[in-house]
């Protein structure tokens, strides 16, 4: 089975998103958004090559609920059945600069 690893910086990003989405008055839509983001990240284990290559070399990007998940597949064979493990590097919010991984 393929390993899904989440880098420390991505964990910090997710924590920040959860904090933002759980503010007082954010409502059930925010909770659904957070669940959608986490579910999409977990699904990368099964379909790592489904999403396009990213602007940073060796990365791919998954967009979900206007958030952008930047990840690597090692090795990235371009095929879900032969691709390797997944490492989530960052999770960027809408409008957030993505120049630093």
PDB file of N, CA and C in Angstrom:
ATOM      1  N   UNK A   1       0.847  -1.187   0.000  1.00  0.00           N
ATOM      2  CA  UNK A   1       0.000   0.000   0.000  1.00  0.00           C
ATOM      3  C   UNK A   1       0.886   1.243   0.000  1.00  0.00           C
ATOM      4  N   UNK A   2       0.459   2.209  -0.729  1.00  0.00           N
ATOM      5  CA  UNK A   2       1.171   3.486  -0.863  1.00  0.00           C
ATOM      6  C   UNK A   2       1.100   4.273   0.455  1.00  0.00           C
ATOM      7  N   UNK A   3       2.185   4.928   0.806  1.00  0.00           N
ATOM      8  CA  UNK A   3       2.245   5.752   2.013  1.00  0.00           C
ATOM      9  C   UNK A   3       1.832   7.184   1.679  1.00  0.00           C
ATOM     10  N   UNK A   4       1.058   7.779   2.556  1.00  0.00           N
ATOM     11  CA  UNK A   4       0.699   9.200   2.470  1.00  0.00           C
ATOM     12  C   UNK A   4       1.350   9.894   3.648  1.00  0.00           C
ATOM     13  N   UNK A   5       2.296  10.771   3.358  1.00  0.00           N
ATOM     14  CA  UNK A   5       3.009  11.501   4.397  1.00  0.00           C
ATOM     15  C   UNK A   5       2.652  12.982   4.275  1.00  0.00           C
ATOM     16  N   UNK A   6       2.532  13.650   5.401  1.00  0.00           N
ATOM     17  CA  UNK A   6       2.217  15.074   5.396  1.00  0.00           C
ATOM     18  C   UNK A   6       3.363  15.798   6.105  1.00  0.00           C
ATOM     19  N   UNK A   7       4.038  16.659   5.355  1.00  0.00           N
ATOM     20  CA  UNK A   7       5.183  17.399   5.892  1.00  0.00           C
ATOM     21  C   UNK A   7       4.741  18.314   7.033  1.00  0.00           C
ATOM     22  N   UNK A   8       5.676  18.628   7.905  1.00  0.00           N
ATOM     23  CA  UNK A   8       5.386  19.483   9.061  1.00  0.00           C
ATOM     24  C   UNK A   8       4.760  20.811   8.639  1.00  0.00           C
ATOM     25  N   UNK A   9       5.286  21.410   7.591  1.00  0.00           N
ATOM     26  CA  UNK A   9       4.750  22.706   7.126  1.00  0.00           C
ATOM     27  C   UNK A   9       3.304  22.557   6.663  1.00  0.00           C
ATOM     28  N   UNK A  10       2.979  21.452   6.003  1.00  0.00           N
ATOM     29  CA  UNK A  10       1.598  21.203   5.563  1.00  0.00           C
ATOM     30  C   UNK A  10       0.689  20.984   6.772  1.00  0.00           C
ATOM     31  N   UNK A  11       1.190  20.312   7.803  1.00  0.00           N
ATOM     32  CA  UNK A  11       0.397  20.138   9.027  1.00  0.00           C
ATOM     33  C   UNK A  11       0.086  21.492   9.663  1.00  0.00           C
ATOM     34  N   UNK A  12       1.069  22.386   9.647  1.00  0.00           N
ATOM     35  CA  UNK A  12       0.840  23.739  10.167  1.00  0.00           C
ATOM     36  C   UNK A  12      -0.195  24.472   9.326  1.00  0.00           C
ATOM     37  N   UNK A  13      -0.122  24.298   8.009  1.00  0.00           N
ATOM     38  CA  UNK A  13      -1.114  24.909   7.119  1.00  0.00           C
ATOM     39  C   UNK A  13      -2.520  24.398   7.451  1.00  0.00           C
ATOM     40  N   UNK A  14      -2.636  23.092   7.615  1.00  0.00           N
ATOM     41  CA  UNK A  14      -3.935  22.475   7.916  1.00  0.00           C
ATOM     42  C   UNK A  14      -4.464  22.973   9.257  1.00  0.00           C
ATOM     43  N   UNK A  15      -3.584  23.070  10.247  1.00  0.00           N
ATOM     44  CA  UNK A  15      -4.000  23.601  11.554  1.00  0.00           C
ATOM     45  C   UNK A  15      -4.542  25.023  11.422  1.00  0.00           C
ATOM     46  N   UNK A  16      -3.857  25.847  10.622  1.00  0.00           N
ATOM     47  CA  UNK A  16      -4.307  27.218  10.404  1.00  0.00           C
ATOM     48  C   UNK A  16      -5.648  27.279   9.692  1.00  0.00           C
ATOM     49  N   UNK A  17      -5.833  26.405   8.726  1.00  0.00           N
ATOM     50  CA  UNK A  17      -7.110  26.345   8.005  1.00  0.00           C
ATOM     51  C   UNK A  17      -8.220  25.919   8.955  1.00  0.00           C
ATOM     52  N   UNK A  18      -7.950  24.917   9.777  1.00  0.00           N
ATOM     53  CA  UNK A  18      -8.957  24.455  10.737  1.00  0.00           C
ATOM     54  C   UNK A  18      -9.324  25.564  11.717  1.00  0.00           C
ATOM     55  N   UNK A  19      -8.336  26.296  12.168  1.00  0.00           N
ATOM     56  CA  UNK A  19      -8.593  27.406  13.082  1.00  0.00           C
ATOM     57  C   UNK A  19      -9.481  28.451  12.405  1.00  0.00           C
ATOM     58  N   UNK A  20      -9.156  28.783  11.170  1.00  0.00           N
ATOM     59  CA  UNK A  20      -9.940  29.767  10.410  1.00  0.00           C
ATOM     60  C   UNK A  20     -11.360  29.268  10.159  1.00  0.00           C
ATOM     61  N   UNK A  21     -11.482  28.015   9.774  1.00  0.00           N
ATOM     62  CA  UNK A  21     -12.796  27.457   9.424  1.00  0.00           C
ATOM     63  C   UNK A  21     -13.671  27.187  10.650  1.00  0.00           C
ATOM     64  N   UNK A  22     -13.081  27.163  11.826  1.00  0.00           N
ATOM     65  CA  UNK A  22     -13.867  26.865  13.027  1.00  0.00           C
ATOM     66  C   UNK A  22     -14.136  28.102  13.879  1.00  0.00           C
ATOM     67  N   UNK A  23     -13.906  29.286  13.318  1.00  0.00           N
ATOM     68  CA  UNK A  23     -14.201  30.516  14.050  1.00  0.00           C
ATOM     69  C   UNK A  23     -15.676  30.566  14.431  1.00  0.00           C
ATOM     70  N   UNK A  24     -15.949  31.293  15.484  1.00  0.00           N
ATOM     71  CA  UNK A  24     -17.332  31.490  15.901  1.00  0.00           C
ATOM     72  C   UNK A  24     -18.136  32.071  14.743  1.00  0.00           C
ATOM     73  N   UNK A  25     -19.249  31.440  14.430  1.00  0.00           N
ATOM     74  CA  UNK A  25     -20.123  31.919  13.369  1.00  0.00           C
ATOM     75  C   UNK A  25     -19.787  31.403  11.988  1.00  0.00           C
ATOM     76  N   UNK A  26     -18.778  30.536  11.871  1.00  0.00           N
ATOM     77  CA  UNK A  26     -18.390  30.069  10.541  1.00  0.00           C
ATOM     78  C   UNK A  26     -19.411  29.116   9.923  1.00  0.00           C
ATOM     79  N   UNK A  27     -20.152  28.409  10.751  1.00  0.00           N
ATOM     80  CA  UNK A  27     -21.264  27.603  10.262  1.00  0.00           C
ATOM     81  C   UNK A  27     -20.886  26.258   9.685  1.00  0.00           C
ATOM     82  N   UNK A  28     -21.918  25.497   9.305  1.00  0.00           N
ATOM     83  CA  UNK A  28     -21.703  24.139   8.805  1.00  0.00           C
ATOM     84  C   UNK A  28     -20.984  24.082   7.456  1.00  0.00           C
ATOM     85  N   UNK A  29     -21.103  25.124   6.639  1.00  0.00           N
ATOM     86  CA  UNK A  29     -20.398  25.125   5.346  1.00  0.00           C
ATOM     87  C   UNK A  29     -18.893  25.071   5.557  1.00  0.00           C
ATOM     88  N   UNK A  30     -18.397  25.746   6.579  1.00  0.00           N
ATOM     89  CA  UNK A  30     -16.969  25.732   6.883  1.00  0.00           C
ATOM     90  C   UNK A  30     -16.528  24.333   7.313  1.00  0.00           C
ATOM     91  N   UNK A  31     -17.360  23.656   8.088  1.00  0.00           N
ATOM     92  CA  UNK A  31     -17.033  22.291   8.509  1.00  0.00           C
ATOM     93  C   UNK A  31     -17.010  21.350   7.309  1.00  0.00           C
ATOM     94  N   UNK A  32     -17.969  21.493   6.398  1.00  0.00           N
ATOM     95  CA  UNK A  32     -17.985  20.670   5.187  1.00  0.00           C
ATOM     96  C   UNK A  32     -16.750  20.946   4.328  1.00  0.00           C
ATOM     97  N   UNK A  33     -16.359  22.199   4.243  1.00  0.00           N
ATOM     98  CA  UNK A  33     -15.170  22.571   3.470  1.00  0.00           C
ATOM     99  C   UNK A  33     -13.932  21.889   4.051  1.00  0.00           C
ATOM    100  N   UNK A  34     -13.788  21.939   5.355  1.00  0.00           N
ATOM    101  CA  UNK A  34     -12.625  21.328   6.003  1.00  0.00           C
ATOM    102  C   UNK A  34     -12.614  19.817   5.769  1.00  0.00           C
ATOM    103  N   UNK A  35     -13.773  19.185   5.900  1.00  0.00           N
ATOM    104  CA  UNK A  35     -13.856  17.741   5.647  1.00  0.00           C
ATOM    105  C   UNK A  35     -13.496  17.424   4.196  1.00  0.00           C
ATOM    106  N   UNK A  36     -13.947  18.246   3.259  1.00  0.00           N
ATOM    107  CA  UNK A  36     -13.646  18.025   1.839  1.00  0.00           C
ATOM    108  C   UNK A  36     -12.145  18.102   1.584  1.00  0.00           C
ATOM    109  N   UNK A  37     -11.482  19.065   2.208  1.00  0.00           N
ATOM    110  CA  UNK A  37     -10.032  19.211   2.039  1.00  0.00           C
ATOM    111  C   UNK A  37      -9.311  17.977   2.581  1.00  0.00           C
ATOM    112  N   UNK A  38      -9.658  17.561   3.781  1.00  0.00           N
ATOM    113  CA  UNK A  38      -8.991  16.406   4.390  1.00  0.00           C
ATOM    114  C   UNK A  38      -9.293  15.122   3.631  1.00  0.00           C
ATOM    115  N   UNK A  39     -10.522  14.946   3.177  1.00  0.00           N
ATOM    116  CA  UNK A  39     -10.881  13.760   2.389  1.00  0.00           C
ATOM    117  C   UNK A  39     -10.101  13.722   1.076  1.00  0.00           C
ATOM    118  N   UNK A  40      -9.950  14.882   0.427  1.00  0.00           N
ATOM    119  CA  UNK A  40      -9.214  14.947  -0.836  1.00  0.00           C
ATOM    120  C   UNK A  40      -7.742  14.594  -0.619  1.00  0.00           C
ATOM    121  N   UNK A  41      -7.172  15.055   0.477  1.00  0.00           N
ATOM    122  CA  UNK A  41      -5.783  14.716   0.784  1.00  0.00           C
ATOM    123  C   UNK A  41      -5.649  13.211   1.003  1.00  0.00           C
ATOM    124  N   UNK A  42      -6.547  12.626   1.766  1.00  0.00           N
ATOM    125  CA  UNK A  42      -6.497  11.177   2.010  1.00  0.00           C
ATOM    126  C   UNK A  42      -6.638  10.388   0.701  1.00  0.00           C
ATOM    127  N   UNK A  43      -7.441  10.879  -0.219  1.00  0.00           N
ATOM    128  CA  UNK A  43      -7.673  10.183  -1.494  1.00  0.00           C
ATOM    129  C   UNK A  43      -6.436  10.179  -2.387  1.00  0.00           C
ATOM    130  N   UNK A  44      -5.482  11.068  -2.128  1.00  0.00           N
ATOM    131  CA  UNK A  44      -4.249  11.080  -2.923  1.00  0.00           C
ATOM    132  C   UNK A  44      -3.526   9.749  -2.855  1.00  0.00           C
ATOM    133  N   UNK A  45      -3.711   9.023  -1.789  1.00  0.00           N
ATOM    134  CA  UNK A  45      -3.084   7.709  -1.631  1.00  0.00           C
ATOM    135  C   UNK A  45      -3.509   6.771  -2.769  1.00  0.00           C
ATOM    136  N   UNK A  46      -4.733   6.927  -3.240  1.00  0.00           N
ATOM    137  CA  UNK A  46      -5.266   6.020  -4.254  1.00  0.00           C
ATOM    138  C   UNK A  46      -5.095   6.538  -5.686  1.00  0.00           C
ATOM    139  N   UNK A  47      -5.039   7.851  -5.870  1.00  0.00           N
ATOM    140  CA  UNK A  47      -4.955   8.443  -7.211  1.00  0.00           C
ATOM    141  C   UNK A  47      -3.935   9.590  -7.230  1.00  0.00           C
ATOM    142  N   UNK A  48      -2.670   9.291  -6.985  1.00  0.00           N
ATOM    143  CA  UNK A  48      -1.678  10.370  -6.857  1.00  0.00           C
ATOM    144  C   UNK A  48      -1.372  11.106  -8.159  1.00  0.00           C
ATOM    145  N   UNK A  49      -1.611  10.473  -9.291  1.00  0.00           N
ATOM    146  CA  UNK A  49      -1.253  11.095 -10.574  1.00  0.00           C
ATOM    147  C   UNK A  49      -2.462  11.712 -11.286  1.00  0.00           C
ATOM    148  N   UNK A  50      -3.579  11.793 -10.623  1.00  0.00           N
ATOM    149  CA  UNK A  50      -4.798  12.332 -11.213  1.00  0.00           C
ATOM    150  C   UNK A  50      -4.688  13.834 -11.486  1.00  0.00           C
ATOM    151  N   UNK A  51      -3.906  14.526 -10.693  1.00  0.00           N
ATOM    152  CA  UNK A  51      -3.875  15.986 -10.747  1.00  0.00           C
ATOM    153  C   UNK A  51      -2.653  16.487 -11.503  1.00  0.00           C
ATOM    154  N   UNK A  52      -2.721  17.717 -12.022  1.00  0.00           N
ATOM    155  CA  UNK A  52      -1.648  18.222 -12.892  1.00  0.00           C
ATOM    156  C   UNK A  52      -0.351  18.520 -12.152  1.00  0.00           C
ATOM    157  N   UNK A  53       0.695  18.602 -12.945  1.00  0.00           N
ATOM    158  CA  UNK A  53       2.007  19.001 -12.420  1.00  0.00           C
ATOM    159  C   UNK A  53       1.932  20.432 -11.933  1.00  0.00           C
ATOM    160  N   UNK A  54       2.696  20.733 -10.888  1.00  0.00           N
ATOM    161  CA  UNK A  54       2.693  22.058 -10.288  1.00  0.00           C
ATOM    162  C   UNK A  54       3.763  22.959 -10.866  1.00  0.00           C
ATOM    163  N   UNK A  55       3.783  24.190 -10.387  1.00  0.00           N
ATOM    164  CA  UNK A  55       4.773  25.156 -10.879  1.00  0.00           C
ATOM    165  C   UNK A  55       6.156  24.898 -10.312  1.00  0.00           C
ATOM    166  N   UNK A  56       6.240  24.195  -9.195  1.00  0.00           N
ATOM    167  CA  UNK A  56       7.538  23.825  -8.622  1.00  0.00           C
ATOM    168  C   UNK A  56       7.932  22.456  -9.180  1.00  0.00           C
ATOM    169  N   UNK A  57       9.188  22.288  -9.562  1.00  0.00           N
ATOM    170  CA  UNK A  57       9.633  21.015 -10.143  1.00  0.00           C
ATOM    171  C   UNK A  57       9.317  19.826  -9.238  1.00  0.00           C
ATOM    172  N   UNK A  58       8.790  18.776  -9.843  1.00  0.00           N
ATOM    173  CA  UNK A  58       8.512  17.540  -9.122  1.00  0.00           C
ATOM    174  C   UNK A  58       7.241  17.545  -8.303  1.00  0.00           C
ATOM    175  N   UNK A  59       6.434  18.595  -8.428  1.00  0.00           N
ATOM    176  CA  UNK A  59       5.206  18.659  -7.635  1.00  0.00           C
ATOM    177  C   UNK A  59       3.970  18.488  -8.509  1.00  0.00           C
ATOM    178  N   UNK A  60       2.876  18.203  -7.843  1.00  0.00           N
ATOM    179  CA  UNK A  60       1.548  18.173  -8.439  1.00  0.00           C
ATOM    180  C   UNK A  60       0.644  19.033  -7.559  1.00  0.00           C
ATOM    181  N   UNK A  61      -0.494  19.466  -8.119  1.00  0.00           N
ATOM    182  CA  UNK A  61      -1.412  20.308  -7.355  1.00  0.00           C
ATOM    183  C   UNK A  61      -2.837  19.777  -7.434  1.00  0.00           C
ATOM    184  N   UNK A  62      -3.467  19.792  -6.293  1.00  0.00           N
ATOM    185  CA  UNK A  62      -4.866  19.408  -6.147  1.00  0.00           C
ATOM    186  C   UNK A  62      -5.597  20.633  -5.620  1.00  0.00           C
ATOM    187  N   UNK A  63      -6.633  21.065  -6.322  1.00  0.00           N
ATOM    188  CA  UNK A  63      -7.431  22.192  -5.852  1.00  0.00           C
ATOM    189  C   UNK A  63      -8.752  21.654  -5.333  1.00  0.00           C
ATOM    190  N   UNK A  64      -9.072  22.044  -4.104  1.00  0.00           N
ATOM    191  CA  UNK A  64     -10.327  21.612  -3.489  1.00  0.00           C
ATOM    192  C   UNK A  64     -10.852  22.752  -2.621  1.00  0.00           C
ATOM    193  N   UNK A  65     -12.085  23.133  -2.861  1.00  0.00           N
ATOM    194  CA  UNK A  65     -12.717  24.211  -2.087  1.00  0.00           C
ATOM    195  C   UNK A  65     -11.873  25.492  -2.106  1.00  0.00           C
ATOM    196  N   UNK A  66     -11.255  25.776  -3.243  1.00  0.00           N
ATOM    197  CA  UNK A  66     -10.413  26.948  -3.455  1.00  0.00           C
ATOM    198  C   UNK A  66      -9.067  26.884  -2.717  1.00  0.00           C
ATOM    199  N   UNK A  67      -8.784  25.805  -2.034  1.00  0.00           N
ATOM    200  CA  UNK A  67      -7.488  25.587  -1.393  1.00  0.00           C
ATOM    201  C   UNK A  67      -6.634  24.752  -2.336  1.00  0.00           C
ATOM    202  N   UNK A  68      -5.329  24.976  -2.305  1.00  0.00           N
ATOM    203  CA  UNK A  68      -4.416  24.278  -3.204  1.00  0.00           C
ATOM    204  C   UNK A  68      -3.460  23.412  -2.381  1.00  0.00           C
ATOM    205  N   UNK A  69      -3.512  22.124  -2.649  1.00  0.00           N
ATOM    206  CA  UNK A  69      -2.631  21.157  -1.996  1.00  0.00           C
ATOM    207  C   UNK A  69      -1.469  20.891  -2.947  1.00  0.00           C
ATOM    208  N   UNK A  70      -0.255  21.173  -2.501  1.00  0.00           N
ATOM    209  CA  UNK A  70       0.949  20.918  -3.300  1.00  0.00           C
ATOM    210  C   UNK A  70       1.603  19.663  -2.733  1.00  0.00           C
ATOM    211  N   UNK A  71       1.858  18.701  -3.618  1.00  0.00           N
ATOM    212  CA  UNK A  71       2.406  17.434  -3.153  1.00  0.00           C
ATOM    213  C   UNK A  71       3.375  16.851  -4.164  1.00  0.00           C
ATOM    214  N   UNK A  72       4.152  15.884  -3.698  1.00  0.00           N
ATOM    215  CA  UNK A  72       5.078  15.131  -4.538  1.00  0.00           C
ATOM    216  C   UNK A  72       4.653  13.672  -4.538  1.00  0.00           C
ATOM    217  N   UNK A  73       4.975  12.995  -5.615  1.00  0.00           N
ATOM    218  CA  UNK A  73       4.810  11.546  -5.714  1.00  0.00           C
ATOM    219  C   UNK A  73       6.194  10.988  -5.999  1.00  0.00           C
ATOM    220  N   UNK A  74       6.621  10.043  -5.186  1.00  0.00           N
ATOM    221  CA  UNK A  74       7.978   9.498  -5.320  1.00  0.00           C
ATOM    222  C   UNK A  74       7.929   7.982  -5.473  1.00  0.00           C
ATOM    223  N   UNK A  75       8.223   7.423  -6.621  1.00  0.00           N
ATOM    224  CA  UNK A  75       8.468   8.083  -7.896  1.00  0.00           C
ATOM    225  C   UNK A  75       7.148   8.443  -8.586  1.00  0.00           C
ATOM    226  N   UNK A  76       7.227   9.508  -9.372  1.00  0.00           N
ATOM    227  CA  UNK A  76       6.066   9.957 -10.137  1.00  0.00           C
ATOM    228  C   UNK A  76       6.155   9.365 -11.536  1.00  0.00           C
ATOM    229  N   UNK A  77       5.489   8.251 -11.723  1.00  0.00           N
ATOM    230  CA  UNK A  77       5.533   7.544 -13.009  1.00  0.00           C
ATOM    231  C   UNK A  77       4.484   8.076 -13.981  1.00  0.00           C
ATOM    232  N   UNK A  78       3.580   8.929 -13.463  1.00  0.00           N
ATOM    233  CA  UNK A  78       2.499   9.426 -14.301  1.00  0.00           C
ATOM    234  C   UNK A  78       1.325   8.473 -14.388  1.00  0.00           C
ATOM    235  N   UNK A  79       1.414   7.355 -13.687  1.00  0.00           N
ATOM    236  CA  UNK A  79       0.335   6.351 -13.692  1.00  0.00           C
ATOM    237  C   UNK A  79      -0.019   5.994 -12.253  1.00  0.00           C
ATOM    238  N   UNK A  80      -1.297   6.022 -11.942  1.00  0.00           N
ATOM    239  CA  UNK A  80      -1.731   5.719 -10.580  1.00  0.00           C
ATOM    240  C   UNK A  80      -1.338   4.313 -10.141  1.00  0.00           C
ATOM    241  N   UNK A  81      -1.320   3.363 -11.059  1.00  0.00           N
ATOM    242  CA  UNK A  81      -1.049   1.978 -10.669  1.00  0.00           C
ATOM    243  C   UNK A  81       0.434   1.707 -10.378  1.00  0.00           C
ATOM    244  N   UNK A  82       1.330   2.563 -10.867  1.00  0.00           N
ATOM    245  CA  UNK A  82       2.760   2.334 -10.636  1.00  0.00           C
ATOM    246  C   UNK A  82       3.440   3.455  -9.860  1.00  0.00           C
ATOM    247  N   UNK A  83       2.718   4.506  -9.552  1.00  0.00           N
ATOM    248  CA  UNK A  83       3.311   5.644  -8.831  1.00  0.00           C
ATOM    249  C   UNK A  83       3.669   5.253  -7.403  1.00  0.00           C
ATOM    250  N   UNK A  84       4.555   6.028  -6.827  1.00  0.00           N
ATOM    251  CA  UNK A  84       5.037   5.748  -5.481  1.00  0.00           C
ATOM    252  C   UNK A  84       4.269   6.480  -4.400  1.00  0.00           C
ATOM    253  N   UNK A  85       4.957   6.700  -3.285  1.00  0.00           N
ATOM    254  CA  UNK A  85       4.363   7.322  -2.112  1.00  0.00           C
ATOM    255  C   UNK A  85       4.083   8.805  -2.337  1.00  0.00           C
ATOM    256  N   UNK A  86       3.172   9.348  -1.540  1.00  0.00           N
ATOM    257  CA  UNK A  86       2.740  10.740  -1.660  1.00  0.00           C
ATOM    258  C   UNK A  86       3.220  11.525  -0.448  1.00  0.00           C
ATOM    259  N   UNK A  87       3.775  12.699  -0.704  1.00  0.00           N
ATOM    260  CA  UNK A  87       4.195  13.613   0.361  1.00  0.00           C
ATOM    261  C   UNK A  87       3.501  14.943   0.137  1.00  0.00           C
ATOM    262  N   UNK A  88       2.605  15.316   1.043  1.00  0.00           N
ATOM    263  CA  UNK A  88       1.936  16.611   0.963  1.00  0.00           C
ATOM    264  C   UNK A  88       2.904  17.647   1.532  1.00  0.00           C
ATOM    265  N   UNK A  89       3.234  18.645   0.711  1.00  0.00           N
ATOM    266  CA  UNK A  89       4.220  19.647   1.106  1.00  0.00           C
ATOM    267  C   UNK A  89       3.589  20.881   1.735  1.00  0.00           C
ATOM    268  N   UNK A  90       2.507  21.370   1.134  1.00  0.00           N
ATOM    269  CA  UNK A  90       1.843  22.591   1.611  1.00  0.00           C
ATOM    270  C   UNK A  90       0.369  22.531   1.263  1.00  0.00           C
ATOM    271  N   UNK A  91      -0.425  23.317   1.996  1.00  0.00           N
ATOM    272  CA  UNK A  91      -1.835  23.536   1.676  1.00  0.00           C
ATOM    273  C   UNK A  91      -2.045  25.047   1.742  1.00  0.00           C
ATOM    274  N   UNK A  92      -2.253  25.648   0.572  1.00  0.00           N
ATOM    275  CA  UNK A  92      -2.378  27.093   0.471  1.00  0.00           C
ATOM    276  C   UNK A  92      -3.837  27.513   0.412  1.00  0.00           C
ATOM    277  N   UNK A  93      -4.146  28.619   1.076  1.00  0.00           N
ATOM    278  CA  UNK A  93      -5.487  29.181   1.055  1.00  0.00           C
ATOM    279  C   UNK A  93      -5.743  29.989  -0.196  1.00  0.00           C
ATOM    280  N   UNK A  94      -7.001  30.340  -0.436  1.00  0.00           N
ATOM    281  CA  UNK A  94      -7.352  31.152  -1.598  1.00  0.00           C
ATOM    282  C   UNK A  94      -6.575  32.461  -1.600  1.00  0.00           C
ATOM    283  N   UNK A  95      -5.940  32.771  -2.712  1.00  0.00           N
ATOM    284  CA  UNK A  95      -5.215  34.017  -2.848  1.00  0.00           C
ATOM    285  C   UNK A  95      -3.848  34.057  -2.195  1.00  0.00           C
ATOM    286  N   UNK A  96      -3.481  32.998  -1.495  1.00  0.00           N
ATOM    287  CA  UNK A  96      -2.187  32.958  -0.811  1.00  0.00           C
ATOM    288  C   UNK A  96      -1.062  32.715  -1.830  1.00  0.00           C
ATOM    289  N   UNK A  97       0.042  33.445  -1.695  1.00  0.00           N
ATOM    290  CA  UNK A  97       1.187  33.257  -2.574  1.00  0.00           C
ATOM    291  C   UNK A  97       1.730  31.837  -2.406  1.00  0.00           C
ATOM    292  N   UNK A  98       2.116  31.229  -3.518  1.00  0.00           N
ATOM    293  CA  UNK A  98       2.587  29.838  -3.489  1.00  0.00           C
ATOM    294  C   UNK A  98       4.035  29.719  -3.932  1.00  0.00           C
ATOM    295  N   UNK A  99       4.797  30.784  -3.766  1.00  0.00           N
ATOM    296  CA  UNK A  99       6.170  30.743  -4.241  1.00  0.00           C
ATOM    297  C   UNK A  99       7.141  30.040  -3.283  1.00  0.00           C
ATOM    298  N   UNK A 100       6.748  29.847  -2.031  1.00  0.00           N
ATOM    299  CA  UNK A 100       7.629  29.198  -1.054  1.00  0.00           C
ATOM    300  C   UNK A 100       7.001  27.889  -0.594  1.00  0.00           C
ATOM    301  N   UNK A 101       7.742  26.816  -0.800  1.00  0.00           N
ATOM    302  CA  UNK A 101       7.269  25.523  -0.303  1.00  0.00           C
ATOM    303  C   UNK A 101       7.895  25.304   1.051  1.00  0.00           C
TER     304      UNK A 101
END
